[in-house]
Amino acid sequence: DLLTWAKLAIKNEIAYNLKALAVFVQDS
């Protein structure tokens, strides 16, 4: 995914919302 975001960032404008609107649920 990190590679995907980097490729997208080079070619595209990224609009961003600083509100935390999702939760990354991690297991142990």
PDB file of all heavy atoms in Angstrom:
ATOM      1  N   ASP A   1       0.827  -1.201   0.000  1.00  0.00           N
ATOM      2  CA  ASP A   1       0.000   0.000   0.000  1.00  0.00           C
ATOM      3  C   ASP A   1       0.868   1.261   0.000  1.00  0.00           C
ATOM      4  O   ASP A   1       0.535   2.255  -0.661  1.00  0.00           O
ATOM      5  CB  ASP A   1      -0.957  -0.002   1.199  1.00  0.00           C
ATOM      6  CG  ASP A   1      -0.264  -0.260   2.528  1.00  0.00           C
ATOM      7  OD1 ASP A   1       0.881  -0.757   2.530  1.00  0.00           O
ATOM      8  OD2 ASP A   1      -0.861   0.035   3.576  1.00  0.00           O
ATOM      9  N   LEU A   2       1.984   1.254   0.730  1.00  0.00           N
ATOM     10  CA  LEU A   2       2.867   2.421   0.766  1.00  0.00           C
ATOM     11  C   LEU A   2       3.398   2.752  -0.621  1.00  0.00           C
ATOM     12  O   LEU A   2       3.495   3.931  -1.001  1.00  0.00           O
ATOM     13  CB  LEU A   2       4.046   2.168   1.715  1.00  0.00           C
ATOM     14  CG  LEU A   2       3.696   1.931   3.190  1.00  0.00           C
ATOM     15  CD1 LEU A   2       4.968   1.668   3.989  1.00  0.00           C
ATOM     16  CD2 LEU A   2       2.939   3.118   3.770  1.00  0.00           C
ATOM     17  N   LEU A   3       3.710   1.725  -1.382  1.00  0.00           N
ATOM     18  CA  LEU A   3       4.183   1.933  -2.748  1.00  0.00           C
ATOM     19  C   LEU A   3       3.072   2.501  -3.625  1.00  0.00           C
ATOM     20  O   LEU A   3       3.304   3.388  -4.458  1.00  0.00           O
ATOM     21  CB  LEU A   3       4.697   0.609  -3.308  1.00  0.00           C
ATOM     22  CG  LEU A   3       5.492   0.639  -4.605  1.00  0.00           C
ATOM     23  CD1 LEU A   3       6.658   1.606  -4.517  1.00  0.00           C
ATOM     24  CD2 LEU A   3       5.986  -0.763  -4.939  1.00  0.00           C
ATOM     25  N   THR A   4       1.865   2.023  -3.417  1.00  0.00           N
ATOM     26  CA  THR A   4       0.711   2.515  -4.175  1.00  0.00           C
ATOM     27  C   THR A   4       0.469   3.989  -3.893  1.00  0.00           C
ATOM     28  O   THR A   4       0.255   4.791  -4.812  1.00  0.00           O
ATOM     29  CB  THR A   4      -0.547   1.700  -3.827  1.00  0.00           C
ATOM     30  OG1 THR A   4      -0.294   0.317  -4.076  1.00  0.00           O
ATOM     31  CG2 THR A   4      -1.736   2.146  -4.664  1.00  0.00           C
ATOM     32  N   TRP A   5       0.497   4.371  -2.609  1.00  0.00           N
ATOM     33  CA  TRP A   5       0.238   5.780  -2.265  1.00  0.00           C
ATOM     34  C   TRP A   5       1.318   6.685  -2.855  1.00  0.00           C
ATOM     35  O   TRP A   5       1.032   7.795  -3.315  1.00  0.00           O
ATOM     36  CB  TRP A   5       0.173   5.983  -0.759  1.00  0.00           C
ATOM     37  CG  TRP A   5      -0.625   5.003   0.037  1.00  0.00           C
ATOM     38  CD1 TRP A   5      -0.378   4.585   1.314  1.00  0.00           C
ATOM     39  CD2 TRP A   5      -1.838   4.315  -0.332  1.00  0.00           C
ATOM     40  NE1 TRP A   5      -1.313   3.690   1.738  1.00  0.00           N
ATOM     41  CE2 TRP A   5      -2.233   3.501   0.752  1.00  0.00           C
ATOM     42  CE3 TRP A   5      -2.620   4.304  -1.493  1.00  0.00           C
ATOM     43  CZ2 TRP A   5      -3.360   2.692   0.725  1.00  0.00           C
ATOM     44  CZ3 TRP A   5      -3.750   3.474  -1.536  1.00  0.00           C
ATOM     45  CH2 TRP A   5      -4.109   2.692  -0.442  1.00  0.00           C
ATOM     46  N   ALA A   6       2.553   6.227  -2.825  1.00  0.00           N
ATOM     47  CA  ALA A   6       3.648   7.029  -3.369  1.00  0.00           C
ATOM     48  C   ALA A   6       3.456   7.274  -4.867  1.00  0.00           C
ATOM     49  O   ALA A   6       3.633   8.397  -5.359  1.00  0.00           O
ATOM     50  CB  ALA A   6       4.986   6.345  -3.106  1.00  0.00           C
ATOM     51  N   LYS A   7       3.092   6.224  -5.591  1.00  0.00           N
ATOM     52  CA  LYS A   7       2.856   6.371  -7.033  1.00  0.00           C
ATOM     53  C   LYS A   7       1.696   7.326  -7.305  1.00  0.00           C
ATOM     54  O   LYS A   7       1.761   8.146  -8.226  1.00  0.00           O
ATOM     55  CB  LYS A   7       2.564   5.001  -7.652  1.00  0.00           C
ATOM     56  CG  LYS A   7       3.767   4.071  -7.705  1.00  0.00           C
ATOM     57  CD  LYS A   7       3.375   2.729  -8.310  1.00  0.00           C
ATOM     58  CE  LYS A   7       4.562   1.791  -8.387  1.00  0.00           C
ATOM     59  NZ  LYS A   7       4.179   0.460  -8.954  1.00  0.00           N
ATOM     60  N   LEU A   8       0.644   7.222  -6.498  1.00  0.00           N
ATOM     61  CA  LEU A   8      -0.498   8.120  -6.664  1.00  0.00           C
ATOM     62  C   LEU A   8      -0.116   9.560  -6.352  1.00  0.00           C
ATOM     63  O   LEU A   8      -0.546  10.488  -7.034  1.00  0.00           O
ATOM     64  CB  LEU A   8      -1.655   7.673  -5.761  1.00  0.00           C
ATOM     65  CG  LEU A   8      -2.409   6.416  -6.178  1.00  0.00           C
ATOM     66  CD1 LEU A   8      -3.309   5.937  -5.045  1.00  0.00           C
ATOM     67  CD2 LEU A   8      -3.245   6.675  -7.439  1.00  0.00           C
ATOM     68  N   ALA A   9       0.700   9.750  -5.313  1.00  0.00           N
ATOM     69  CA  ALA A   9       1.081  11.101  -4.885  1.00  0.00           C
ATOM     70  C   ALA A   9       1.891  11.816  -5.955  1.00  0.00           C
ATOM     71  O   ALA A   9       1.808  13.048  -6.085  1.00  0.00           O
ATOM     72  CB  ALA A   9       1.872  11.038  -3.585  1.00  0.00           C
ATOM     73  N   ILE A  10       2.671  11.084  -6.715  1.00  0.00           N
ATOM     74  CA  ILE A  10       3.475  11.696  -7.772  1.00  0.00           C
ATOM     75  C   ILE A  10       2.599  12.237  -8.895  1.00  0.00           C
ATOM     76  O   ILE A  10       2.873  13.294  -9.467  1.00  0.00           O
ATOM     77  CB  ILE A  10       4.485  10.670  -8.323  1.00  0.00           C
ATOM     78  CG1 ILE A  10       5.563  10.371  -7.267  1.00  0.00           C
ATOM     79  CG2 ILE A  10       5.138  11.160  -9.613  1.00  0.00           C
ATOM     80  CD1 ILE A  10       6.482   9.230  -7.630  1.00  0.00           C
ATOM     81  N   LYS A  11       1.520  11.531  -9.188  1.00  0.00           N
ATOM     82  CA  LYS A  11       0.710  11.854 -10.360  1.00  0.00           C
ATOM     83  C   LYS A  11      -0.599  12.587 -10.058  1.00  0.00           C
ATOM     84  O   LYS A  11      -1.254  13.079 -10.985  1.00  0.00           O
ATOM     85  CB  LYS A  11       0.360  10.556 -11.119  1.00  0.00           C
ATOM     86  CG  LYS A  11       1.547   9.863 -11.770  1.00  0.00           C
ATOM     87  CD  LYS A  11       1.122   8.582 -12.449  1.00  0.00           C
ATOM     88  CE  LYS A  11       2.254   7.943 -13.237  1.00  0.00           C
ATOM     89  NZ  LYS A  11       2.555   8.707 -14.462  1.00  0.00           N
ATOM     90  N   ASN A  12      -0.994  12.672  -8.785  1.00  0.00           N
ATOM     91  CA  ASN A  12      -2.339  13.166  -8.475  1.00  0.00           C
ATOM     92  C   ASN A  12      -2.350  14.151  -7.312  1.00  0.00           C
ATOM     93  O   ASN A  12      -1.506  14.095  -6.422  1.00  0.00           O
ATOM     94  CB  ASN A  12      -3.263  11.992  -8.112  1.00  0.00           C
ATOM     95  CG  ASN A  12      -3.418  11.002  -9.232  1.00  0.00           C
ATOM     96  OD1 ASN A  12      -4.256  11.161 -10.109  1.00  0.00           O
ATOM     97  ND2 ASN A  12      -2.601   9.957  -9.228  1.00  0.00           N
ATOM     98  N   GLU A  13      -3.355  15.033  -7.335  1.00  0.00           N
ATOM     99  CA  GLU A  13      -3.598  15.934  -6.217  1.00  0.00           C
ATOM    100  C   GLU A  13      -4.346  15.172  -5.127  1.00  0.00           C
ATOM    101  O   GLU A  13      -5.312  14.467  -5.414  1.00  0.00           O
ATOM    102  CB  GLU A  13      -4.434  17.124  -6.702  1.00  0.00           C
ATOM    103  CG  GLU A  13      -4.697  18.178  -5.661  1.00  0.00           C
ATOM    104  CD  GLU A  13      -5.475  19.352  -6.213  1.00  0.00           C
ATOM    105  OE1 GLU A  13      -4.857  20.264  -6.788  1.00  0.00           O
ATOM    106  OE2 GLU A  13      -6.725  19.347  -6.080  1.00  0.00           O
ATOM    107  N   ILE A  14      -3.893  15.326  -3.882  1.00  0.00           N
ATOM    108  CA  ILE A  14      -4.502  14.620  -2.755  1.00  0.00           C
ATOM    109  C   ILE A  14      -5.231  15.622  -1.860  1.00  0.00           C
ATOM    110  O   ILE A  14      -4.618  16.525  -1.299  1.00  0.00           O
ATOM    111  CB  ILE A  14      -3.437  13.890  -1.910  1.00  0.00           C
ATOM    112  CG1 ILE A  14      -2.654  12.892  -2.769  1.00  0.00           C
ATOM    113  CG2 ILE A  14      -4.084  13.174  -0.721  1.00  0.00           C
ATOM    114  CD1 ILE A  14      -1.434  12.313  -2.079  1.00  0.00           C
ATOM    115  N   ALA A  15      -6.543  15.467  -1.732  1.00  0.00           N
ATOM    116  CA  ALA A  15      -7.319  16.281  -0.792  1.00  0.00           C
ATOM    117  C   ALA A  15      -7.396  15.540   0.533  1.00  0.00           C
ATOM    118  O   ALA A  15      -7.661  14.333   0.563  1.00  0.00           O
ATOM    119  CB  ALA A  15      -8.720  16.548  -1.339  1.00  0.00           C
ATOM    120  N   TYR A  16      -7.199  16.271   1.635  1.00  0.00           N
ATOM    121  CA  TYR A  16      -7.055  15.608   2.931  1.00  0.00           C
ATOM    122  C   TYR A  16      -7.915  16.271   3.998  1.00  0.00           C
ATOM    123  O   TYR A  16      -8.026  17.495   4.056  1.00  0.00           O
ATOM    124  CB  TYR A  16      -5.589  15.657   3.373  1.00  0.00           C
ATOM    125  CG  TYR A  16      -5.211  14.599   4.378  1.00  0.00           C
ATOM    126  CD1 TYR A  16      -4.886  13.312   3.983  1.00  0.00           C
ATOM    127  CD2 TYR A  16      -5.176  14.891   5.739  1.00  0.00           C
ATOM    128  CE1 TYR A  16      -4.531  12.333   4.900  1.00  0.00           C
ATOM    129  CE2 TYR A  16      -4.823  13.926   6.674  1.00  0.00           C
ATOM    130  CZ  TYR A  16      -4.502  12.646   6.248  1.00  0.00           C
ATOM    131  OH  TYR A  16      -4.160  11.693   7.153  1.00  0.00           O
ATOM    132  N   ASN A  17      -8.514  15.435   4.844  1.00  0.00           N
ATOM    133  CA  ASN A  17      -9.299  15.891   5.988  1.00  0.00           C
ATOM    134  C   ASN A  17      -8.578  15.442   7.259  1.00  0.00           C
ATOM    135  O   ASN A  17      -8.323  14.250   7.441  1.00  0.00           O
ATOM    136  CB  ASN A  17     -10.713  15.300   5.928  1.00  0.00           C
ATOM    137  CG  ASN A  17     -11.642  15.907   6.968  1.00  0.00           C
ATOM    138  OD1 ASN A  17     -11.214  16.269   8.069  1.00  0.00           O
ATOM    139  ND2 ASN A  17     -12.925  16.005   6.643  1.00  0.00           N
ATOM    140  N   LEU A  18      -8.246  16.385   8.121  1.00  0.00           N
ATOM    141  CA  LEU A  18      -7.488  16.074   9.330  1.00  0.00           C
ATOM    142  C   LEU A  18      -8.310  15.391  10.423  1.00  0.00           C
ATOM    143  O   LEU A  18      -7.748  14.938  11.418  1.00  0.00           O
ATOM    144  CB  LEU A  18      -6.866  17.360   9.892  1.00  0.00           C
ATOM    145  CG  LEU A  18      -5.770  17.994   9.035  1.00  0.00           C
ATOM    146  CD1 LEU A  18      -5.347  19.334   9.628  1.00  0.00           C
ATOM    147  CD2 LEU A  18      -4.572  17.069   8.900  1.00  0.00           C
ATOM    148  N   LYS A  19      -9.640  15.328  10.244  1.00  0.00           N
ATOM    149  CA  LYS A  19     -10.467  14.619  11.220  1.00  0.00           C
ATOM    150  C   LYS A  19     -10.203  13.112  11.123  1.00  0.00           C
ATOM    151  O   LYS A  19     -10.112  12.560  10.025  1.00  0.00           O
ATOM    152  CB  LYS A  19     -11.953  14.883  10.960  1.00  0.00           C
ATOM    153  CG  LYS A  19     -12.384  16.324  11.106  1.00  0.00           C
ATOM    154  CD  LYS A  19     -13.852  16.478  10.731  1.00  0.00           C
ATOM    155  CE  LYS A  19     -14.292  17.930  10.732  1.00  0.00           C
ATOM    156  NZ  LYS A  19     -15.705  18.087  10.255  1.00  0.00           N
ATOM    157  N   ALA A  20     -10.079  12.469  12.270  1.00  0.00           N
ATOM    158  CA  ALA A  20      -9.873  11.016  12.297  1.00  0.00           C
ATOM    159  C   ALA A  20     -11.224  10.325  12.110  1.00  0.00           C
ATOM    160  O   ALA A  20     -12.016  10.240  13.044  1.00  0.00           O
ATOM    161  CB  ALA A  20      -9.225  10.587  13.609  1.00  0.00           C
ATOM    162  N   LEU A  21     -11.478   9.821  10.915  1.00  0.00           N
ATOM    163  CA  LEU A  21     -12.808   9.307  10.570  1.00  0.00           C
ATOM    164  C   LEU A  21     -12.828   7.801  10.302  1.00  0.00           C
ATOM    165  O   LEU A  21     -13.840   7.261   9.849  1.00  0.00           O
ATOM    166  CB  LEU A  21     -13.353  10.059   9.352  1.00  0.00           C
ATOM    167  CG  LEU A  21     -13.586  11.560   9.581  1.00  0.00           C
ATOM    168  CD1 LEU A  21     -13.866  12.258   8.254  1.00  0.00           C
ATOM    169  CD2 LEU A  21     -14.743  11.778  10.555  1.00  0.00           C
ATOM    170  N   ALA A  22     -11.717   7.130  10.579  1.00  0.00           N
ATOM    171  CA  ALA A  22     -11.648   5.677  10.426  1.00  0.00           C
ATOM    172  C   ALA A  22     -10.769   5.129  11.534  1.00  0.00           C
ATOM    173  O   ALA A  22      -9.997   5.865  12.152  1.00  0.00           O
ATOM    174  CB  ALA A  22     -11.104   5.299   9.054  1.00  0.00           C
ATOM    175  N   VAL A  23     -10.894   3.819  11.772  1.00  0.00           N
ATOM    176  CA  VAL A  23     -10.142   3.191  12.851  1.00  0.00           C
ATOM    177  C   VAL A  23      -9.369   1.983  12.310  1.00  0.00           C
ATOM    178  O   VAL A  23      -9.952   1.068  11.719  1.00  0.00           O
ATOM    179  CB  VAL A  23     -11.065   2.721  13.999  1.00  0.00           C
ATOM    180  CG1 VAL A  23     -10.246   2.115  15.136  1.00  0.00           C
ATOM    181  CG2 VAL A  23     -11.905   3.890  14.523  1.00  0.00           C
ATOM    182  N   PHE A  24      -8.058   2.022  12.519  1.00  0.00           N
ATOM    183  CA  PHE A  24      -7.172   0.921  12.161  1.00  0.00           C
ATOM    184  C   PHE A  24      -7.141  -0.036  13.351  1.00  0.00           C
ATOM    185  O   PHE A  24      -6.493   0.223  14.355  1.00  0.00           O
ATOM    186  CB  PHE A  24      -5.780   1.487  11.865  1.00  0.00           C
ATOM    187  CG  PHE A  24      -4.737   0.472  11.472  1.00  0.00           C
ATOM    188  CD1 PHE A  24      -5.035  -0.870  11.286  1.00  0.00           C
ATOM    189  CD2 PHE A  24      -3.429   0.880  11.271  1.00  0.00           C
ATOM    190  CE1 PHE A  24      -4.071  -1.786  10.925  1.00  0.00           C
ATOM    191  CE2 PHE A  24      -2.439  -0.037  10.915  1.00  0.00           C
ATOM    192  CZ  PHE A  24      -2.760  -1.362  10.734  1.00  0.00           C
ATOM    193  N   VAL A  25      -7.874  -1.139  13.246  1.00  0.00           N
ATOM    194  CA  VAL A  25      -7.994  -2.101  14.345  1.00  0.00           C
ATOM    195  C   VAL A  25      -6.866  -3.122  14.231  1.00  0.00           C
ATOM    196  O   VAL A  25      -6.799  -3.886  13.263  1.00  0.00           O
ATOM    197  CB  VAL A  25      -9.361  -2.800  14.329  1.00  0.00           C
ATOM    198  CG1 VAL A  25      -9.458  -3.789  15.486  1.00  0.00           C
ATOM    199  CG2 VAL A  25     -10.491  -1.767  14.414  1.00  0.00           C
ATOM    200  N   GLN A  26      -5.984  -3.130  15.215  1.00  0.00           N
ATOM    201  CA  GLN A  26      -4.822  -4.016  15.191  1.00  0.00           C
ATOM    202  C   GLN A  26      -4.988  -5.151  16.197  1.00  0.00           C
ATOM    203  O   GLN A  26      -5.479  -4.932  17.307  1.00  0.00           O
ATOM    204  CB  GLN A  26      -3.560  -3.232  15.523  1.00  0.00           C
ATOM    205  CG  GLN A  26      -3.298  -2.057  14.579  1.00  0.00           C
ATOM    206  CD  GLN A  26      -2.201  -1.174  15.109  1.00  0.00           C
ATOM    207  OE1 GLN A  26      -2.411  -0.356  15.992  1.00  0.00           O
ATOM    208  NE2 GLN A  26      -1.005  -1.358  14.574  1.00  0.00           N
ATOM    209  N   ASP A  27      -4.563  -6.354  15.811  1.00  0.00           N
ATOM    210  CA  ASP A  27      -4.554  -7.447  16.781  1.00  0.00           C
ATOM    211  C   ASP A  27      -3.205  -7.460  17.495  1.00  0.00           C
ATOM    212  O   ASP A  27      -2.298  -6.678  17.186  1.00  0.00           O
ATOM    213  CB  ASP A  27      -4.854  -8.793  16.115  1.00  0.00           C
ATOM    214  CG  ASP A  27      -3.858  -9.149  15.017  1.00  0.00           C
ATOM    215  OD1 ASP A  27      -2.705  -8.693  15.088  1.00  0.00           O
ATOM    216  OD2 ASP A  27      -4.239  -9.882  14.090  1.00  0.00           O
ATOM    217  N   SER A  28      -3.050  -8.338  18.462  1.00  0.00           N
ATOM    218  CA  SER A  28      -1.837  -8.341  19.289  1.00  0.00           C
ATOM    219  C   SER A  28      -0.578  -8.621  18.474  1.00  0.00           C
ATOM    220  O   SER A  28       0.504  -8.163  18.816  1.00  0.00           O
ATOM    221  CB  SER A  28      -1.967  -9.379  20.420  1.00  0.00           C
ATOM    222  OG  SER A  28      -2.205 -10.673  19.886  1.00  0.00           O
TER     223      SER A  28
END
